[in-house]
Amino acid sequence: MFGHPNFHKKVKEKMRILIVDDERDVEQLYRMSFRREVKNGIVDLEFAFSAKEAFEKLLLLHPMDVVLVLSDINMPGMSGFDLLKMIRDKFPELRVYMVSAYSDSDNMNTARTLGANDFLTKPVDFSLLKSKITELKGAA
């Protein structure tokens, strides 16, 4: 049922993931896709609907409480790339995956250059994302 057969076995501590996207319907999609993990206390999802709101949340939360930031690139006002630069300045160890509807090489190269840990395309393949999260937790 899940992308990685050991998802529930390997991830023992709750992982807080901050999802940043200006499209509010994304929250429902992530909540549905991770409902079992949330219910079982494996994952805690936080949402921000702008890059500015996301950075403000990171400043308020204990930085180590957030294990991963998933950020859309194209948002009004501050872009996901702007957010990535700010995160790298303030929280250099925080894992950041950039998410975009466009899988062009310019976006991927910019994300890599600015220090993104990974790049995902929309629609998000939740099996792949869960597998990546499991690997991330296993490496911790």
Protein backbone atom coordinates (compact mmCIF):
# COMPACT_ATOMS: atom_id res chain seq x y z
CA MET A 1 0.00 0.00 0.00
CA PHE A 2 2.90 2.36 0.69
CA GLY A 3 5.85 3.14 -1.57
CA HIS A 4 8.38 1.64 0.77
CA PRO A 5 7.58 -1.67 2.52
CA ASN A 6 9.47 -0.66 5.67
CA PHE A 7 7.98 2.83 5.98
CA HIS A 8 6.32 2.12 9.31
CA LYS A 9 9.17 -0.03 10.63
CA LYS A 10 12.06 2.35 9.94
CA VAL A 11 10.47 5.64 10.94
CA LYS A 12 10.15 5.42 14.71
CA GLU A 13 10.24 9.04 15.83
CA LYS A 14 7.65 11.49 14.61
CA MET A 15 8.87 13.48 11.64
CA ARG A 16 7.56 17.01 11.23
CA ILE A 17 7.26 18.02 7.59
CA LEU A 18 6.53 21.59 6.52
CA ILE A 19 4.68 21.77 3.19
CA VAL A 20 4.75 25.14 1.45
CA ASP A 21 2.37 25.82 -1.43
CA ASP A 22 0.10 28.73 -2.30
CA GLU A 23 -2.56 26.32 -3.57
CA ARG A 24 -4.65 25.53 -0.48
CA ASP A 25 -6.10 22.29 -1.90
CA VAL A 26 -2.62 20.78 -1.60
CA GLU A 27 -3.18 20.51 2.17
CA GLN A 28 -6.10 18.12 1.69
CA LEU A 29 -4.10 16.04 -0.78
CA TYR A 30 -1.16 15.62 1.63
CA ARG A 31 -3.46 14.95 4.60
CA MET A 32 -5.24 12.21 2.65
CA SER A 33 -1.99 10.68 1.39
CA PHE A 34 -0.37 10.66 4.84
CA ARG A 35 -3.49 10.00 6.95
CA ARG A 36 -2.26 6.64 8.21
CA GLU A 37 1.18 7.97 9.12
CA VAL A 38 -0.37 10.97 10.91
CA LYS A 39 -2.84 8.74 12.78
CA ASN A 40 -0.03 6.41 13.86
CA GLY A 41 2.11 9.31 15.12
CA ILE A 42 4.81 8.77 12.52
CA VAL A 43 4.46 12.04 10.63
CA ASP A 44 3.28 15.48 11.67
CA LEU A 45 2.32 17.76 8.79
CA GLU A 46 2.59 21.54 9.00
CA PHE A 47 1.37 23.80 6.21
CA ALA A 48 2.27 27.27 5.05
CA PHE A 49 0.60 28.98 2.10
CA SER A 50 3.41 31.37 1.24
CA ALA A 51 7.19 31.37 1.49
CA LYS A 52 7.00 34.23 4.00
CA GLU A 53 4.59 32.30 6.24
CA ALA A 54 6.84 29.22 6.01
CA PHE A 55 9.94 31.11 7.09
CA GLU A 56 8.03 32.71 9.97
CA LYS A 57 6.90 29.24 11.10
CA LEU A 58 10.47 27.95 10.96
CA LEU A 59 11.59 30.85 13.15
CA LEU A 60 8.86 30.06 15.71
CA LEU A 61 9.34 26.28 15.72
CA HIS A 62 12.41 24.68 17.15
CA PRO A 63 14.39 24.16 13.91
CA MET A 64 15.19 20.55 14.70
CA ASP A 65 11.48 19.82 15.09
CA VAL A 66 11.15 20.16 11.33
CA VAL A 67 12.85 17.33 9.49
CA LEU A 68 11.91 18.28 5.95
CA VAL A 69 10.54 21.24 4.02
CA LEU A 70 8.65 20.56 0.78
CA SER A 71 8.33 23.84 -1.06
CA ASP A 72 6.60 24.79 -4.27
CA ILE A 73 8.75 27.01 -6.48
CA ASN A 74 6.23 29.31 -8.15
CA MET A 75 4.29 31.30 -5.57
CA PRO A 76 3.16 34.91 -5.49
CA GLY A 77 5.47 37.28 -3.65
CA MET A 78 8.48 35.39 -2.38
CA SER A 79 9.27 32.31 -4.48
CA GLY A 80 10.26 28.89 -3.26
CA PHE A 81 13.80 29.67 -4.42
CA ASP A 82 13.80 32.79 -2.21
CA LEU A 83 12.66 30.64 0.70
CA LEU A 84 15.38 28.09 -0.05
CA LYS A 85 18.06 30.82 0.08
CA MET A 86 16.74 32.04 3.45
CA ILE A 87 16.61 28.52 4.85
CA ARG A 88 20.19 27.83 3.72
CA ASP A 89 21.33 31.05 5.47
CA LYS A 90 19.50 30.46 8.76
CA PHE A 91 19.09 26.64 8.94
CA PRO A 92 21.80 25.13 6.69
CA GLU A 93 21.22 21.55 7.91
CA LEU A 94 17.48 21.52 7.20
CA ARG A 95 16.47 19.22 4.33
CA VAL A 96 14.56 21.00 1.56
CA TYR A 97 12.86 19.36 -1.41
CA MET A 98 11.62 21.70 -4.12
CA VAL A 99 8.32 20.86 -5.85
CA SER A 100 7.23 22.17 -9.22
CA ALA A 101 4.72 21.47 -11.95
CA TYR A 102 7.58 22.10 -14.38
CA SER A 103 10.39 19.58 -14.61
CA ASP A 104 12.57 21.72 -16.85
CA SER A 105 16.32 21.63 -16.38
CA ASP A 106 16.49 25.34 -15.47
CA ASN A 107 14.35 24.81 -12.35
CA MET A 108 16.22 21.64 -11.42
CA ASN A 109 19.63 23.27 -11.88
CA THR A 110 18.61 26.38 -9.93
CA ALA A 111 17.28 24.22 -7.10
CA ARG A 112 20.51 22.22 -7.00
CA THR A 113 22.68 25.35 -7.15
CA LEU A 114 20.78 26.97 -4.27
CA GLY A 115 21.19 23.87 -2.12
CA ALA A 116 17.96 21.89 -2.48
CA ASN A 117 18.31 18.28 -1.37
CA ASP A 118 15.89 16.99 -3.98
CA PHE A 119 13.44 18.02 -6.68
CA LEU A 120 9.94 16.60 -7.14
CA THR A 121 7.44 17.25 -9.90
CA LYS A 122 3.69 17.71 -9.58
CA PRO A 123 1.56 15.78 -9.32
CA VAL A 124 3.62 14.43 -6.42
CA ASP A 125 4.20 10.68 -6.51
CA PHE A 126 3.41 9.96 -2.86
CA SER A 127 4.87 6.43 -3.00
CA LEU A 128 8.18 7.91 -4.15
CA LEU A 129 7.98 10.68 -1.53
CA LYS A 130 7.34 8.17 1.26
CA SER A 131 10.30 6.13 0.06
CA LYS A 132 12.51 9.24 0.14
CA ILE A 133 11.30 10.10 3.64
CA THR A 134 12.10 6.57 4.81
CA GLU A 135 15.61 6.86 3.37
CA LEU A 136 16.00 10.28 4.97
CA LYS A 137 15.00 8.92 8.37
CA GLY A 138 17.24 5.89 7.95
CA ALA A 139 20.22 8.16 7.27
CA ALA A 140 19.56 10.24 10.39
